[in-house]
C-alpha atoms as a PDB file:
ATOM      1  CA  MET A   1     -19.023   4.667 -12.533  1.00  0.00           C
ATOM      2  CA  ASN A   2     -19.400   6.811 -15.590  1.00  0.00           C
ATOM      3  CA  GLU A   3     -16.507   7.492 -17.950  1.00  0.00           C
ATOM      4  CA  GLU A   4     -15.594  10.807 -16.299  1.00  0.00           C
ATOM      5  CA  ASN A   5     -15.525   9.207 -12.837  1.00  0.00           C
ATOM      6  CA  ILE A   6     -13.392   6.321 -14.100  1.00  0.00           C
ATOM      7  CA  GLU A   7     -10.871   8.742 -15.603  1.00  0.00           C
ATOM      8  CA  SER A   8     -10.771  10.777 -12.387  1.00  0.00           C
ATOM      9  CA  PHE A   9     -10.302   7.590 -10.345  1.00  0.00           C
ATOM     10  CA  GLN A  10      -7.452   6.447 -12.617  1.00  0.00           C
ATOM     11  CA  ASP A  11      -5.757   9.867 -12.362  1.00  0.00           C
ATOM     12  CA  SER A  12      -6.039   9.828  -8.558  1.00  0.00           C
ATOM     13  CA  LEU A  13      -4.726   6.275  -8.396  1.00  0.00           C
ATOM     14  CA  CYS A  14      -1.769   7.086 -10.654  1.00  0.00           C
ATOM     15  CA  PHE A  15      -0.912  10.108  -8.489  1.00  0.00           C
ATOM     16  CA  ALA A  16      -1.107   8.035  -5.293  1.00  0.00           C
ATOM     17  CA  LEU A  17       0.979   5.204  -6.813  1.00  0.00           C
ATOM     18  CA  ASN A  18       3.701   7.630  -7.823  1.00  0.00           C
ATOM     19  CA  LEU A  19       3.861   9.103  -4.316  1.00  0.00           C
ATOM     20  CA  PHE A  20       4.024   5.604  -2.821  1.00  0.00           C
ATOM     21  CA  ASN A  21       6.747   4.469  -5.215  1.00  0.00           C
ATOM     22  CA  ASP A  22       8.711   7.680  -4.541  1.00  0.00           C
ATOM     23  CA  GLN A  23       8.574   6.689  -0.849  1.00  0.00           C
ATOM     24  CA  LYS A  24       6.651   9.809   0.081  1.00  0.00           C
ATOM     25  CA  TRP A  25       4.752   7.799   2.661  1.00  0.00           C
ATOM     26  CA  TYR A  26       2.805  10.564   4.370  1.00  0.00           C
ATOM     27  CA  GLU A  27       1.692  12.125   1.096  1.00  0.00           C
ATOM     28  CA  ALA A  28       0.840   8.695  -0.355  1.00  0.00           C
ATOM     29  CA  HIS A  29      -1.322   8.004   2.691  1.00  0.00           C
ATOM     30  CA  ASP A  30      -3.268  11.213   2.089  1.00  0.00           C
ATOM     31  CA  ALA A  31      -3.703  10.491  -1.627  1.00  0.00           C
ATOM     32  CA  PHE A  32      -4.888   6.924  -0.997  1.00  0.00           C
ATOM     33  CA  GLU A  33      -7.219   8.152   1.727  1.00  0.00           C
ATOM     34  CA  GLU A  34      -8.981  10.357  -0.834  1.00  0.00           C
ATOM     35  CA  ILE A  35      -9.445   7.290  -3.043  1.00  0.00           C
ATOM     36  CA  TRP A  36     -10.542   5.189  -0.048  1.00  0.00           C
ATOM     37  CA  ASN A  37     -13.389   7.643   0.549  1.00  0.00           C
ATOM     38  CA  THR A  38     -14.744   7.019  -2.964  1.00  0.00           C
ATOM     39  CA  VAL A  39     -14.731   3.196  -3.124  1.00  0.00           C
ATOM     40  CA  GLU A  40     -16.491   0.401  -1.294  1.00  0.00           C
ATOM     41  CA  GLY A  41     -16.369  -3.327  -0.696  1.00  0.00           C
ATOM     42  CA  ASP A  42     -13.192  -5.219  -1.542  1.00  0.00           C
ATOM     43  CA  GLN A  43     -11.682  -2.235  -3.360  1.00  0.00           C
ATOM     44  CA  ARG A  44     -12.045  -0.219  -0.158  1.00  0.00           C
ATOM     45  CA  GLN A  45     -10.331  -3.001   1.823  1.00  0.00           C
ATOM     46  CA  VAL A  46      -7.396  -3.141  -0.603  1.00  0.00           C
ATOM     47  CA  ILE A  47      -6.963   0.640  -0.541  1.00  0.00           C
ATOM     48  CA  GLN A  48      -7.129   0.579   3.260  1.00  0.00           C
ATOM     49  CA  GLY A  49      -4.422  -2.088   3.251  1.00  0.00           C
ATOM     50  CA  ILE A  50      -2.213   0.106   1.055  1.00  0.00           C
ATOM     51  CA  LEU A  51      -2.902   3.012   3.427  1.00  0.00           C
ATOM     52  CA  GLN A  52      -1.725   0.880   6.329  1.00  0.00           C
ATOM     53  CA  VAL A  53       1.422  -0.104   4.441  1.00  0.00           C
ATOM     54  CA  SER A  54       2.134   3.595   3.774  1.00  0.00           C
ATOM     55  CA  VAL A  55       1.777   4.402   7.467  1.00  0.00           C
ATOM     56  CA  SER A  56       3.937   1.401   8.374  1.00  0.00           C
ATOM     57  CA  GLN A  57       6.710   2.716   6.139  1.00  0.00           C
ATOM     58  CA  PHE A  58       6.357   6.185   7.653  1.00  0.00           C
ATOM     59  CA  HIS A  59       6.753   4.610  11.125  1.00  0.00           C
ATOM     60  CA  LEU A  60       9.766   2.638   9.898  1.00  0.00           C
ATOM     61  CA  SER A  61      11.384   5.802   8.544  1.00  0.00           C
ATOM     62  CA  LYS A  62      11.003   7.338  12.022  1.00  0.00           C
ATOM     63  CA  GLY A  63      12.471   4.285  13.769  1.00  0.00           C
ATOM     64  CA  ASN A  64       9.188   2.952  15.175  1.00  0.00           C
ATOM     65  CA  LEU A  65       9.799  -0.720  14.425  1.00  0.00           C
ATOM     66  CA  ASN A  66       6.860  -1.985  16.500  1.00  0.00           C
ATOM     67  CA  GLY A  67       4.330   0.346  14.854  1.00  0.00           C
ATOM     68  CA  ALA A  68       5.734  -0.450  11.424  1.00  0.00           C
ATOM     69  CA  THR A  69       5.482  -4.197  11.999  1.00  0.00           C
ATOM     70  CA  ILE A  70       1.909  -4.078  13.299  1.00  0.00           C
ATOM     71  CA  LEU A  71       0.585  -1.862  10.496  1.00  0.00           C
ATOM     72  CA  LEU A  72       2.435  -3.796   7.804  1.00  0.00           C
ATOM     73  CA  GLY A  73       0.875  -7.037   9.054  1.00  0.00           C
ATOM     74  CA  GLU A  74      -2.594  -5.495   9.144  1.00  0.00           C
ATOM     75  CA  GLY A  75      -2.223  -4.025   5.663  1.00  0.00           C
ATOM     76  CA  LEU A  76      -0.931  -7.292   4.235  1.00  0.00           C
ATOM     77  CA  GLY A  77      -3.817  -9.151   5.848  1.00  0.00           C
ATOM     78  CA  ARG A  78      -6.354  -6.896   4.132  1.00  0.00           C
ATOM     79  CA  ILE A  79      -4.736  -7.203   0.712  1.00  0.00           C
ATOM     80  CA  LYS A  80      -3.603 -10.828   0.432  1.00  0.00           C
ATOM     81  CA  THR A  81      -7.119 -12.284   0.417  1.00  0.00           C
ATOM     82  CA  ARG A  82      -8.171  -9.827  -2.284  1.00  0.00           C
ATOM     83  CA  THR A  83      -5.395 -10.050  -4.886  1.00  0.00           C
ATOM     84  CA  ASN A  84      -8.006 -10.686  -7.579  1.00  0.00           C
ATOM     85  CA  ILE A  85      -9.377  -7.132  -7.254  1.00  0.00           C
ATOM     86  CA  ASN A  86      -8.647  -5.185 -10.431  1.00  0.00           C
ATOM     87  CA  LEU A  87      -7.183  -1.804  -9.547  1.00  0.00           C
ATOM     88  CA  GLY A  88      -4.502  -1.946 -12.224  1.00  0.00           C
ATOM     89  CA  ILE A  89      -1.943  -2.956  -9.583  1.00  0.00           C
ATOM     90  CA  ASP A  90      -0.034  -6.236  -9.366  1.00  0.00           C
ATOM     91  CA  LEU A  91      -1.305  -7.158  -5.904  1.00  0.00           C
ATOM     92  CA  GLU A  92       0.248 -10.649  -5.994  1.00  0.00           C
ATOM     93  CA  SER A  93       3.819  -9.368  -6.286  1.00  0.00           C
ATOM     94  CA  PHE A  94       3.043  -6.551  -3.828  1.00  0.00           C
ATOM     95  CA  CYS A  95       1.977  -9.119  -1.226  1.00  0.00           C
ATOM     96  CA  LYS A  96       5.165 -11.139  -1.760  1.00  0.00           C
ATOM     97  CA  LEU A  97       7.237  -8.001  -1.147  1.00  0.00           C
ATOM     98  CA  LEU A  98       5.212  -7.258   1.989  1.00  0.00           C
ATOM     99  CA  GLU A  99       5.556 -10.806   3.300  1.00  0.00           C
ATOM    100  CA  ASN A 100       9.344 -10.686   2.891  1.00  0.00           C
ATOM    101  CA  LEU A 101       9.547  -7.281   4.564  1.00  0.00           C
ATOM    102  CA  LEU A 102       7.316  -8.407   7.427  1.00  0.00           C
ATOM    103  CA  ILE A 103       9.597 -11.386   8.119  1.00  0.00           C
ATOM    104  CA  LYS A 104      12.623  -9.085   8.210  1.00  0.00           C
ATOM    105  CA  LEU A 105      10.857  -6.719  10.594  1.00  0.00           C
ATOM    106  CA  GLN A 106       9.703  -9.552  12.855  1.00  0.00           C
ATOM    107  CA  TYR A 107      13.229 -10.959  13.073  1.00  0.00           C
ATOM    108  CA  LYS A 108      14.771  -7.481  13.348  1.00  0.00           C
ATOM    109  CA  GLU A 109      16.911  -8.066  10.265  1.00  0.00           C
ATOM    110  CA  LYS A 110      18.565  -5.195   8.448  1.00  0.00           C
ATOM    111  CA  ILE A 111      16.250  -3.499   5.932  1.00  0.00           C
ATOM    112  CA  ASN A 112      17.740  -2.150   2.707  1.00  0.00           C
ATOM    113  CA  GLU A 113      16.361  -0.176  -0.243  1.00  0.00           C
ATOM    114  CA  ASP A 114      15.412  -3.355  -2.115  1.00  0.00           C
ATOM    115  CA  ASP A 115      13.052  -4.264   0.738  1.00  0.00           C
ATOM    116  CA  LYS A 116      10.957  -1.097   0.393  1.00  0.00           C
ATOM    117  CA  PRO A 117       7.515  -1.892  -0.978  1.00  0.00           C
ATOM    118  CA  TYR A 118       6.418  -0.552  -4.341  1.00  0.00           C
ATOM    119  CA  LEU A 119       3.274  -0.827  -6.412  1.00  0.00           C
ATOM    120  CA  LYS A 120       3.655  -2.191  -9.928  1.00  0.00           C
ATOM    121  CA  ARG A 121       0.994  -1.367 -12.487  1.00  0.00           C
ATOM    122  CA  VAL A 122      -0.417  -4.109 -14.699  1.00  0.00           C
END
């Protein structure tokens, strides 16, 4: 990637992260999908995992517990074996949040605001 492409990628990623962290799940999905179309390999897998987490949270917000649980598990599975990928995101802590949320969903425990996933920059 040349310098201009790197800057554009970073801007797009920042925009998508902000949407995700503002819990604008549908919009975050769209923003990450644009990024997903520009990357490959492990980066593409991590972005796809984040996409799946966004959709899972959208399902959860609509009361679709089963859809949320399935997509969260799939997204976590894509990300947790690739936490060494440098996207400027703390993927280790993100995976811990996702694992805790997945357990709550699987056991149908009450979800509160502190359980909502967020992406921390490093």
